[in-house]
Amino acid sequence: RGKEKIKRLSKIEDGKLYVVGDNKS
């Protein structure tokens, strides 16, 4: 949404990326 985010790549599914923060809460 127009902003940069920094996250960890958790899964790659069909060429798309699932990203999560290390501090999930």
mmCIF file of all heavy atoms, coordinates in Angstrom:
data_MODEL
# 
_entry.id   MODEL 
# 
loop_
_atom_site.group_PDB 
_atom_site.id 
_atom_site.type_symbol 
_atom_site.label_atom_id 
_atom_site.label_alt_id 
_atom_site.label_comp_id 
_atom_site.label_asym_id 
_atom_site.label_entity_id 
_atom_site.label_seq_id 
_atom_site.pdbx_PDB_ins_code 
_atom_site.Cartn_x 
_atom_site.Cartn_y 
_atom_site.Cartn_z 
_atom_site.occupancy 
_atom_site.B_iso_or_equiv 
_atom_site.pdbx_formal_charge 
_atom_site.auth_seq_id 
_atom_site.auth_comp_id 
_atom_site.auth_asym_id 
_atom_site.auth_atom_id 
_atom_site.pdbx_PDB_model_num 
ATOM 1   N N   . ARG A 1 1  ? 0.822  -1.225  0.000  1.00 0.00 ? 1  ARG A N   1 
ATOM 2   C CA  . ARG A 1 1  ? 0.000  0.000   0.000  1.00 0.00 ? 1  ARG A CA  1 
ATOM 3   C C   . ARG A 1 1  ? 0.848  1.264   0.000  1.00 0.00 ? 1  ARG A C   1 
ATOM 4   O O   . ARG A 1 1  ? 0.607  2.199   0.756  1.00 0.00 ? 1  ARG A O   1 
ATOM 5   C CB  . ARG A 1 1  ? -0.962 0.006   1.160  1.00 0.00 ? 1  ARG A CB  1 
ATOM 6   C CG  . ARG A 1 1  ? -1.987 -1.105  1.064  1.00 0.00 ? 1  ARG A CG  1 
ATOM 7   C CD  . ARG A 1 1  ? -3.008 -1.011  2.130  1.00 0.00 ? 1  ARG A CD  1 
ATOM 8   N NE  . ARG A 1 1  ? -3.937 -2.119  1.972  1.00 0.00 ? 1  ARG A NE  1 
ATOM 9   C CZ  . ARG A 1 1  ? -4.974 -2.303  2.752  1.00 0.00 ? 1  ARG A CZ  1 
ATOM 10  N NH1 . ARG A 1 1  ? -5.216 -1.470  3.726  1.00 0.00 ? 1  ARG A NH1 1 
ATOM 11  N NH2 . ARG A 1 1  ? -5.752 -3.332  2.557  1.00 0.00 ? 1  ARG A NH2 1 
ATOM 12  N N   . GLY A 1 2  ? 1.880  1.267   -0.835 1.00 0.00 ? 2  GLY A N   1 
ATOM 13  C CA  . GLY A 1 2  ? 2.720  2.445   -1.013 1.00 0.00 ? 2  GLY A CA  1 
ATOM 14  C C   . GLY A 1 2  ? 3.787  2.662   0.043  1.00 0.00 ? 2  GLY A C   1 
ATOM 15  O O   . GLY A 1 2  ? 4.521  3.634   -0.021 1.00 0.00 ? 2  GLY A O   1 
ATOM 16  N N   . LYS A 1 3  ? 3.877  1.773   1.025  1.00 0.00 ? 3  LYS A N   1 
ATOM 17  C CA  . LYS A 1 3  ? 4.899  1.896   2.066  1.00 0.00 ? 3  LYS A CA  1 
ATOM 18  C C   . LYS A 1 3  ? 5.818  0.687   2.037  1.00 0.00 ? 3  LYS A C   1 
ATOM 19  O O   . LYS A 1 3  ? 5.396  -0.417  1.701  1.00 0.00 ? 3  LYS A O   1 
ATOM 20  C CB  . LYS A 1 3  ? 4.249  1.974   3.456  1.00 0.00 ? 3  LYS A CB  1 
ATOM 21  C CG  . LYS A 1 3  ? 3.454  3.229   3.680  1.00 0.00 ? 3  LYS A CG  1 
ATOM 22  C CD  . LYS A 1 3  ? 2.949  3.287   5.099  1.00 0.00 ? 3  LYS A CD  1 
ATOM 23  C CE  . LYS A 1 3  ? 2.190  4.578   5.337  1.00 0.00 ? 3  LYS A CE  1 
ATOM 24  N NZ  . LYS A 1 3  ? 1.752  4.706   6.711  1.00 0.00 ? 3  LYS A NZ  1 
ATOM 25  N N   . GLU A 1 4  ? 7.071  0.913   2.406  1.00 0.00 ? 4  GLU A N   1 
ATOM 26  C CA  . GLU A 1 4  ? 8.003  -0.198  2.518  1.00 0.00 ? 4  GLU A CA  1 
ATOM 27  C C   . GLU A 1 4  ? 7.838  -0.888  3.867  1.00 0.00 ? 4  GLU A C   1 
ATOM 28  O O   . GLU A 1 4  ? 7.662  -0.230  4.889  1.00 0.00 ? 4  GLU A O   1 
ATOM 29  C CB  . GLU A 1 4  ? 9.445  0.288   2.376  1.00 0.00 ? 4  GLU A CB  1 
ATOM 30  C CG  . GLU A 1 4  ? 9.805  0.658   0.971  1.00 0.00 ? 4  GLU A CG  1 
ATOM 31  C CD  . GLU A 1 4  ? 11.269 1.019   0.803  1.00 0.00 ? 4  GLU A CD  1 
ATOM 32  O OE1 . GLU A 1 4  ? 11.979 1.224   1.813  1.00 0.00 ? 4  GLU A OE1 1 
ATOM 33  O OE2 . GLU A 1 4  ? 11.696 1.106   -0.346 1.00 0.00 ? 4  GLU A OE2 1 
ATOM 34  N N   . LYS A 1 5  ? 7.885  -2.202  3.836  1.00 0.00 ? 5  LYS A N   1 
ATOM 35  C CA  . LYS A 1 5  ? 7.827  -3.009  5.054  1.00 0.00 ? 5  LYS A CA  1 
ATOM 36  C C   . LYS A 1 5  ? 9.003  -3.975  5.038  1.00 0.00 ? 5  LYS A C   1 
ATOM 37  O O   . LYS A 1 5  ? 9.507  -4.327  3.976  1.00 0.00 ? 5  LYS A O   1 
ATOM 38  C CB  . LYS A 1 5  ? 6.524  -3.796  5.127  1.00 0.00 ? 5  LYS A CB  1 
ATOM 39  C CG  . LYS A 1 5  ? 5.296  -2.914  5.295  1.00 0.00 ? 5  LYS A CG  1 
ATOM 40  C CD  . LYS A 1 5  ? 4.081  -3.732  5.627  1.00 0.00 ? 5  LYS A CD  1 
ATOM 41  C CE  . LYS A 1 5  ? 2.911  -2.869  5.989  1.00 0.00 ? 5  LYS A CE  1 
ATOM 42  N NZ  . LYS A 1 5  ? 2.888  -2.457  7.375  1.00 0.00 ? 5  LYS A NZ  1 
ATOM 43  N N   . ILE A 1 6  ? 9.416  -4.404  6.219  1.00 0.00 ? 6  ILE A N   1 
ATOM 44  C CA  . ILE A 1 6  ? 10.498 -5.370  6.361  1.00 0.00 ? 6  ILE A CA  1 
ATOM 45  C C   . ILE A 1 6  ? 9.963  -6.547  7.157  1.00 0.00 ? 6  ILE A C   1 
ATOM 46  O O   . ILE A 1 6  ? 9.531  -6.381  8.297  1.00 0.00 ? 6  ILE A O   1 
ATOM 47  C CB  . ILE A 1 6  ? 11.719 -4.739  7.057  1.00 0.00 ? 6  ILE A CB  1 
ATOM 48  C CG1 . ILE A 1 6  ? 12.261 -3.580  6.211  1.00 0.00 ? 6  ILE A CG1 1 
ATOM 49  C CG2 . ILE A 1 6  ? 12.806 -5.799  7.296  1.00 0.00 ? 6  ILE A CG2 1 
ATOM 50  C CD1 . ILE A 1 6  ? 13.399 -2.811  6.840  1.00 0.00 ? 6  ILE A CD1 1 
ATOM 51  N N   . LYS A 1 7  ? 9.959  -7.728  6.525  1.00 0.00 ? 7  LYS A N   1 
ATOM 52  C CA  . LYS A 1 7  ? 9.422  -8.939  7.151  1.00 0.00 ? 7  LYS A CA  1 
ATOM 53  C C   . LYS A 1 7  ? 10.263 -10.147 6.706  1.00 0.00 ? 7  LYS A C   1 
ATOM 54  O O   . LYS A 1 7  ? 11.038 -10.083 5.771  1.00 0.00 ? 7  LYS A O   1 
ATOM 55  C CB  . LYS A 1 7  ? 7.967  -9.193  6.735  1.00 0.00 ? 7  LYS A CB  1 
ATOM 56  C CG  . LYS A 1 7  ? 7.016  -8.047  6.984  1.00 0.00 ? 7  LYS A CG  1 
ATOM 57  C CD  . LYS A 1 7  ? 6.766  -7.792  8.440  1.00 0.00 ? 7  LYS A CD  1 
ATOM 58  C CE  . LYS A 1 7  ? 5.808  -6.619  8.611  1.00 0.00 ? 7  LYS A CE  1 
ATOM 59  N NZ  . LYS A 1 7  ? 5.821  -6.085  9.940  1.00 0.00 ? 7  LYS A NZ  1 
ATOM 60  N N   . ARG A 1 8  ? 10.012 -11.260 7.385  1.00 0.00 ? 8  ARG A N   1 
ATOM 61  C CA  . ARG A 1 8  ? 10.691 -12.513 7.062  1.00 0.00 ? 8  ARG A CA  1 
ATOM 62  C C   . ARG A 1 8  ? 9.825  -13.333 6.103  1.00 0.00 ? 8  ARG A C   1 
ATOM 63  O O   . ARG A 1 8  ? 8.621  -13.460 6.284  1.00 0.00 ? 8  ARG A O   1 
ATOM 64  C CB  . ARG A 1 8  ? 10.953 -13.320 8.338  1.00 0.00 ? 8  ARG A CB  1 
ATOM 65  C CG  . ARG A 1 8  ? 11.807 -14.547 8.089  1.00 0.00 ? 8  ARG A CG  1 
ATOM 66  C CD  . ARG A 1 8  ? 12.207 -15.226 9.370  1.00 0.00 ? 8  ARG A CD  1 
ATOM 67  N NE  . ARG A 1 8  ? 12.922 -14.345 10.283 1.00 0.00 ? 8  ARG A NE  1 
ATOM 68  C CZ  . ARG A 1 8  ? 14.221 -14.062 10.213 1.00 0.00 ? 8  ARG A CZ  1 
ATOM 69  N NH1 . ARG A 1 8  ? 14.956 -14.575 9.255  1.00 0.00 ? 8  ARG A NH1 1 
ATOM 70  N NH2 . ARG A 1 8  ? 14.774 -13.254 11.110 1.00 0.00 ? 8  ARG A NH2 1 
ATOM 71  N N   . LEU A 1 9  ? 10.469 -13.887 5.095  1.00 0.00 ? 9  LEU A N   1 
ATOM 72  C CA  . LEU A 1 9  ? 9.788  -14.738 4.131  1.00 0.00 ? 9  LEU A CA  1 
ATOM 73  C C   . LEU A 1 9  ? 9.536  -16.097 4.788  1.00 0.00 ? 9  LEU A C   1 
ATOM 74  O O   . LEU A 1 9  ? 10.478 -16.799 5.158  1.00 0.00 ? 9  LEU A O   1 
ATOM 75  C CB  . LEU A 1 9  ? 10.640 -14.875 2.867  1.00 0.00 ? 9  LEU A CB  1 
ATOM 76  C CG  . LEU A 1 9  ? 10.120 -15.764 1.760  1.00 0.00 ? 9  LEU A CG  1 
ATOM 77  C CD1 . LEU A 1 9  ? 8.714  -15.398 1.347  1.00 0.00 ? 9  LEU A CD1 1 
ATOM 78  C CD2 . LEU A 1 9  ? 11.061 -15.685 0.569  1.00 0.00 ? 9  LEU A CD2 1 
ATOM 79  N N   . SER A 1 10 ? 8.268  -16.452 4.924  1.00 0.00 ? 10 SER A N   1 
ATOM 80  C CA  . SER A 1 10 ? 7.888  -17.676 5.619  1.00 0.00 ? 10 SER A CA  1 
ATOM 81  C C   . SER A 1 10 ? 7.566  -18.820 4.656  1.00 0.00 ? 10 SER A C   1 
ATOM 82  O O   . SER A 1 10 ? 7.908  -19.963 4.906  1.00 0.00 ? 10 SER A O   1 
ATOM 83  C CB  . SER A 1 10 ? 6.686  -17.401 6.523  1.00 0.00 ? 10 SER A CB  1 
ATOM 84  O OG  . SER A 1 10 ? 6.262  -18.563 7.172  1.00 0.00 ? 10 SER A OG  1 
ATOM 85  N N   . LYS A 1 11 ? 6.880  -18.492 3.550  1.00 0.00 ? 11 LYS A N   1 
ATOM 86  C CA  . LYS A 1 11 ? 6.489  -19.508 2.565  1.00 0.00 ? 11 LYS A CA  1 
ATOM 87  C C   . LYS A 1 11 ? 6.509  -18.900 1.171  1.00 0.00 ? 11 LYS A C   1 
ATOM 88  O O   . LYS A 1 11 ? 6.266  -17.704 0.998  1.00 0.00 ? 11 LYS A O   1 
ATOM 89  C CB  . LYS A 1 11 ? 5.065  -19.999 2.817  1.00 0.00 ? 11 LYS A CB  1 
ATOM 90  C CG  . LYS A 1 11 ? 4.827  -20.752 4.070  1.00 0.00 ? 11 LYS A CG  1 
ATOM 91  C CD  . LYS A 1 11 ? 3.380  -21.234 4.105  1.00 0.00 ? 11 LYS A CD  1 
ATOM 92  C CE  . LYS A 1 11 ? 2.818  -21.086 5.494  1.00 0.00 ? 11 LYS A CE  1 
ATOM 93  N NZ  . LYS A 1 11 ? 1.397  -21.300 5.575  1.00 0.00 ? 11 LYS A NZ  1 
ATOM 94  N N   . ILE A 1 12 ? 6.757  -19.754 0.199  1.00 0.00 ? 12 ILE A N   1 
ATOM 95  C CA  . ILE A 1 12 ? 6.609  -19.369 -1.205 1.00 0.00 ? 12 ILE A CA  1 
ATOM 96  C C   . ILE A 1 12 ? 5.578  -20.317 -1.799 1.00 0.00 ? 12 ILE A C   1 
ATOM 97  O O   . ILE A 1 12 ? 5.769  -21.531 -1.795 1.00 0.00 ? 12 ILE A O   1 
ATOM 98  C CB  . ILE A 1 12 ? 7.949  -19.462 -1.964 1.00 0.00 ? 12 ILE A CB  1 
ATOM 99  C CG1 . ILE A 1 12 ? 9.000  -18.586 -1.290 1.00 0.00 ? 12 ILE A CG1 1 
ATOM 100 C CG2 . ILE A 1 12 ? 7.758  -19.072 -3.429 1.00 0.00 ? 12 ILE A CG2 1 
ATOM 101 C CD1 . ILE A 1 12 ? 10.400 -18.733 -1.853 1.00 0.00 ? 12 ILE A CD1 1 
ATOM 102 N N   . GLU A 1 13 ? 4.469  -19.761 -2.271 1.00 0.00 ? 13 GLU A N   1 
ATOM 103 C CA  . GLU A 1 13 ? 3.371  -20.553 -2.815 1.00 0.00 ? 13 GLU A CA  1 
ATOM 104 C C   . GLU A 1 13 ? 3.009  -20.050 -4.199 1.00 0.00 ? 13 GLU A C   1 
ATOM 105 O O   . GLU A 1 13 ? 2.536  -18.932 -4.342 1.00 0.00 ? 13 GLU A O   1 
ATOM 106 C CB  . GLU A 1 13 ? 2.139  -20.458 -1.908 1.00 0.00 ? 13 GLU A CB  1 
ATOM 107 C CG  . GLU A 1 13 ? 2.345  -20.980 -0.511 1.00 0.00 ? 13 GLU A CG  1 
ATOM 108 C CD  . GLU A 1 13 ? 1.097  -20.827 0.355  1.00 0.00 ? 13 GLU A CD  1 
ATOM 109 O OE1 . GLU A 1 13 ? 0.051  -20.369 -0.149 1.00 0.00 ? 13 GLU A OE1 1 
ATOM 110 O OE2 . GLU A 1 13 ? 1.186  -21.162 1.543  1.00 0.00 ? 13 GLU A OE2 1 
ATOM 111 N N   . ASP A 1 14 ? 3.242  -20.877 -5.210 1.00 0.00 ? 14 ASP A N   1 
ATOM 112 C CA  . ASP A 1 14 ? 2.888  -20.528 -6.595 1.00 0.00 ? 14 ASP A CA  1 
ATOM 113 C C   . ASP A 1 14 ? 3.437  -19.165 -7.007 1.00 0.00 ? 14 ASP A C   1 
ATOM 114 O O   . ASP A 1 14 ? 2.732  -18.359 -7.621 1.00 0.00 ? 14 ASP A O   1 
ATOM 115 C CB  . ASP A 1 14 ? 1.369  -20.559 -6.787 1.00 0.00 ? 14 ASP A CB  1 
ATOM 116 C CG  . ASP A 1 14 ? 0.779  -21.933 -6.517 1.00 0.00 ? 14 ASP A CG  1 
ATOM 117 O OD1 . ASP A 1 14 ? 1.434  -22.930 -6.879 1.00 0.00 ? 14 ASP A OD1 1 
ATOM 118 O OD2 . ASP A 1 14 ? -0.324 -22.003 -5.938 1.00 0.00 ? 14 ASP A OD2 1 
ATOM 119 N N   . GLY A 1 15 ? 4.693  -18.894 -6.641 1.00 0.00 ? 15 GLY A N   1 
ATOM 120 C CA  . GLY A 1 15 ? 5.333  -17.640 -7.020 1.00 0.00 ? 15 GLY A CA  1 
ATOM 121 C C   . GLY A 1 15 ? 4.932  -16.444 -6.184 1.00 0.00 ? 15 GLY A C   1 
ATOM 122 O O   . GLY A 1 15 ? 5.359  -15.330 -6.460 1.00 0.00 ? 15 GLY A O   1 
ATOM 123 N N   . LYS A 1 16 ? 4.110  -16.647 -5.180 1.00 0.00 ? 16 LYS A N   1 
ATOM 124 C CA  . LYS A 1 16 ? 3.728  -15.561 -4.274 1.00 0.00 ? 16 LYS A CA  1 
ATOM 125 C C   . LYS A 1 16 ? 4.368  -15.814 -2.918 1.00 0.00 ? 16 LYS A C   1 
ATOM 126 O O   . LYS A 1 16 ? 4.709  -16.932 -2.576 1.00 0.00 ? 16 LYS A O   1 
ATOM 127 C CB  . LYS A 1 16 ? 2.217  -15.472 -4.158 1.00 0.00 ? 16 LYS A CB  1 
ATOM 128 C CG  . LYS A 1 16 ? 1.584  -15.105 -5.493 1.00 0.00 ? 16 LYS A CG  1 
ATOM 129 C CD  . LYS A 1 16 ? 0.190  -14.637 -5.301 1.00 0.00 ? 16 LYS A CD  1 
ATOM 130 C CE  . LYS A 1 16 ? -0.399 -14.272 -6.648 1.00 0.00 ? 16 LYS A CE  1 
ATOM 131 N NZ  . LYS A 1 16 ? -0.883 -12.926 -6.671 1.00 0.00 ? 16 LYS A NZ  1 
ATOM 132 N N   . LEU A 1 17 ? 4.517  -14.742 -2.150 1.00 0.00 ? 17 LEU A N   1 
ATOM 133 C CA  . LEU A 1 17 ? 5.270  -14.805 -0.903 1.00 0.00 ? 17 LEU A CA  1 
ATOM 134 C C   . LEU A 1 17 ? 4.377  -14.569 0.311  1.00 0.00 ? 17 LEU A C   1 
ATOM 135 O O   . LEU A 1 17 ? 3.537  -13.662 0.313  1.00 0.00 ? 17 LEU A O   1 
ATOM 136 C CB  . LEU A 1 17 ? 6.380  -13.752 -0.921 1.00 0.00 ? 17 LEU A CB  1 
ATOM 137 C CG  . LEU A 1 17 ? 7.287  -13.742 -2.145 1.00 0.00 ? 17 LEU A CG  1 
ATOM 138 C CD1 . LEU A 1 17 ? 8.265  -12.579 -2.067 1.00 0.00 ? 17 LEU A CD1 1 
ATOM 139 C CD2 . LEU A 1 17 ? 8.012  -15.060 -2.300 1.00 0.00 ? 17 LEU A CD2 1 
ATOM 140 N N   . TYR A 1 18 ? 4.595  -15.387 1.333  1.00 0.00 ? 18 TYR A N   1 
ATOM 141 C CA  . TYR A 1 18 ? 3.923  -15.229 2.622  1.00 0.00 ? 18 TYR A CA  1 
ATOM 142 C C   . TYR A 1 18 ? 4.974  -14.710 3.583  1.00 0.00 ? 18 TYR A C   1 
ATOM 143 O O   . TYR A 1 18 ? 5.989  -15.368 3.819  1.00 0.00 ? 18 TYR A O   1 
ATOM 144 C CB  . TYR A 1 18 ? 3.366  -16.573 3.086  1.00 0.00 ? 18 TYR A CB  1 
ATOM 145 C CG  . TYR A 1 18 ? 2.488  -16.497 4.303  1.00 0.00 ? 18 TYR A CG  1 
ATOM 146 C CD1 . TYR A 1 18 ? 1.123  -16.287 4.181  1.00 0.00 ? 18 TYR A CD1 1 
ATOM 147 C CD2 . TYR A 1 18 ? 3.019  -16.655 5.576  1.00 0.00 ? 18 TYR A CD2 1 
ATOM 148 C CE1 . TYR A 1 18 ? 0.295  -16.223 5.306  1.00 0.00 ? 18 TYR A CE1 1 
ATOM 149 C CE2 . TYR A 1 18 ? 2.209  -16.595 6.701  1.00 0.00 ? 18 TYR A CE2 1 
ATOM 150 C CZ  . TYR A 1 18 ? 0.850  -16.380 6.555  1.00 0.00 ? 18 TYR A CZ  1 
ATOM 151 O OH  . TYR A 1 18 ? 0.050  -16.324 7.666  1.00 0.00 ? 18 TYR A OH  1 
ATOM 152 N N   . VAL A 1 19 ? 4.757  -13.514 4.127  1.00 0.00 ? 19 VAL A N   1 
ATOM 153 C CA  . VAL A 1 19 ? 5.748  -12.867 4.980  1.00 0.00 ? 19 VAL A CA  1 
ATOM 154 C C   . VAL A 1 19 ? 5.183  -12.635 6.373  1.00 0.00 ? 19 VAL A C   1 
ATOM 155 O O   . VAL A 1 19 ? 3.984  -12.379 6.534  1.00 0.00 ? 19 VAL A O   1 
ATOM 156 C CB  . VAL A 1 19 ? 6.230  -11.531 4.377  1.00 0.00 ? 19 VAL A CB  1 
ATOM 157 C CG1 . VAL A 1 19 ? 6.966  -11.750 3.061  1.00 0.00 ? 19 VAL A CG1 1 
ATOM 158 C CG2 . VAL A 1 19 ? 5.073  -10.567 4.159  1.00 0.00 ? 19 VAL A CG2 1 
ATOM 159 N N   . VAL A 1 20 ? 6.045  -12.751 7.381  1.00 0.00 ? 20 VAL A N   1 
ATOM 160 C CA  . VAL A 1 20 ? 5.625  -12.532 8.769  1.00 0.00 ? 20 VAL A CA  1 
ATOM 161 C C   . VAL A 1 20 ? 6.696  -11.742 9.510  1.00 0.00 ? 20 VAL A C   1 
ATOM 162 O O   . VAL A 1 20 ? 7.879  -11.806 9.171  1.00 0.00 ? 20 VAL A O   1 
ATOM 163 C CB  . VAL A 1 20 ? 5.361  -13.862 9.515  1.00 0.00 ? 20 VAL A CB  1 
ATOM 164 C CG1 . VAL A 1 20 ? 4.165  -14.586 8.934  1.00 0.00 ? 20 VAL A CG1 1 
ATOM 165 C CG2 . VAL A 1 20 ? 6.576  -14.747 9.509  1.00 0.00 ? 20 VAL A CG2 1 
ATOM 166 N N   . GLY A 1 21 ? 6.269  -11.032 10.532 1.00 0.00 ? 21 GLY A N   1 
ATOM 167 C CA  . GLY A 1 21 ? 7.209  -10.380 11.424 1.00 0.00 ? 21 GLY A CA  1 
ATOM 168 C C   . GLY A 1 21 ? 7.689  -11.377 12.466 1.00 0.00 ? 21 GLY A C   1 
ATOM 169 O O   . GLY A 1 21 ? 6.957  -12.301 12.841 1.00 0.00 ? 21 GLY A O   1 
ATOM 170 N N   . ASP A 1 22 ? 8.907  -11.206 12.949 1.00 0.00 ? 22 ASP A N   1 
ATOM 171 C CA  . ASP A 1 22 ? 9.428  -12.106 13.977 1.00 0.00 ? 22 ASP A CA  1 
ATOM 172 C C   . ASP A 1 22 ? 8.676  -11.946 15.290 1.00 0.00 ? 22 ASP A C   1 
ATOM 173 O O   . ASP A 1 22 ? 8.586  -12.877 16.079 1.00 0.00 ? 22 ASP A O   1 
ATOM 174 C CB  . ASP A 1 22 ? 10.925 -11.857 14.197 1.00 0.00 ? 22 ASP A CB  1 
ATOM 175 C CG  . ASP A 1 22 ? 11.782 -12.375 13.052 1.00 0.00 ? 22 ASP A CG  1 
ATOM 176 O OD1 . ASP A 1 22 ? 11.236 -13.021 12.120 1.00 0.00 ? 22 ASP A OD1 1 
ATOM 177 O OD2 . ASP A 1 22 ? 13.007 -12.145 13.086 1.00 0.00 ? 22 ASP A OD2 1 
ATOM 178 N N   . ASN A 1 23 ? 8.134  -10.760 15.533 1.00 0.00 ? 23 ASN A N   1 
ATOM 179 C CA  . ASN A 1 23 ? 7.360  -10.478 16.740 1.00 0.00 ? 23 ASN A CA  1 
ATOM 180 C C   . ASN A 1 23 ? 5.882  -10.472 16.332 1.00 0.00 ? 23 ASN A C   1 
ATOM 181 O O   . ASN A 1 23 ? 5.286  -9.424  16.108 1.00 0.00 ? 23 ASN A O   1 
ATOM 182 C CB  . ASN A 1 23 ? 7.784  -9.137  17.329 1.00 0.00 ? 23 ASN A CB  1 
ATOM 183 C CG  . ASN A 1 23 ? 7.101  -8.819  18.633 1.00 0.00 ? 23 ASN A CG  1 
ATOM 184 O OD1 . ASN A 1 23 ? 6.228  -9.530  19.082 1.00 0.00 ? 23 ASN A OD1 1 
ATOM 185 N ND2 . ASN A 1 23 ? 7.508  -7.719  19.232 1.00 0.00 ? 23 ASN A ND2 1 
ATOM 186 N N   . LYS A 1 24 ? 5.309  -11.649 16.228 1.00 0.00 ? 24 LYS A N   1 
ATOM 187 C CA  . LYS A 1 24 ? 3.969  -11.784 15.648 1.00 0.00 ? 24 LYS A CA  1 
ATOM 188 C C   . LYS A 1 24 ? 2.879  -10.976 16.360 1.00 0.00 ? 24 LYS A C   1 
ATOM 189 O O   . LYS A 1 24 ? 1.915  -10.573 15.741 1.00 0.00 ? 24 LYS A O   1 
ATOM 190 C CB  . LYS A 1 24 ? 3.601  -13.257 15.564 1.00 0.00 ? 24 LYS A CB  1 
ATOM 191 C CG  . LYS A 1 24 ? 4.449  -13.992 14.531 1.00 0.00 ? 24 LYS A CG  1 
ATOM 192 C CD  . LYS A 1 24 ? 4.115  -15.460 14.483 1.00 0.00 ? 24 LYS A CD  1 
ATOM 193 C CE  . LYS A 1 24 ? 4.886  -16.198 13.436 1.00 0.00 ? 24 LYS A CE  1 
ATOM 194 N NZ  . LYS A 1 24 ? 6.314  -16.213 13.567 1.00 0.00 ? 24 LYS A NZ  1 
ATOM 195 N N   . SER A 1 25 ? 3.060  -10.726 17.659 1.00 0.00 ? 25 SER A N   1 
ATOM 196 C CA  . SER A 1 25 ? 2.032  -9.966  18.383 1.00 0.00 ? 25 SER A CA  1 
ATOM 197 C C   . SER A 1 25 ? 2.072  -8.473  18.053 1.00 0.00 ? 25 SER A C   1 
ATOM 198 O O   . SER A 1 25 ? 1.137  -7.746  18.385 1.00 0.00 ? 25 SER A O   1 
ATOM 199 C CB  . SER A 1 25 ? 2.167  -10.176 19.894 1.00 0.00 ? 25 SER A CB  1 
ATOM 200 O OG  . SER A 1 25 ? 3.390  -9.656  20.362 1.00 0.00 ? 25 SER A OG  1 
# 
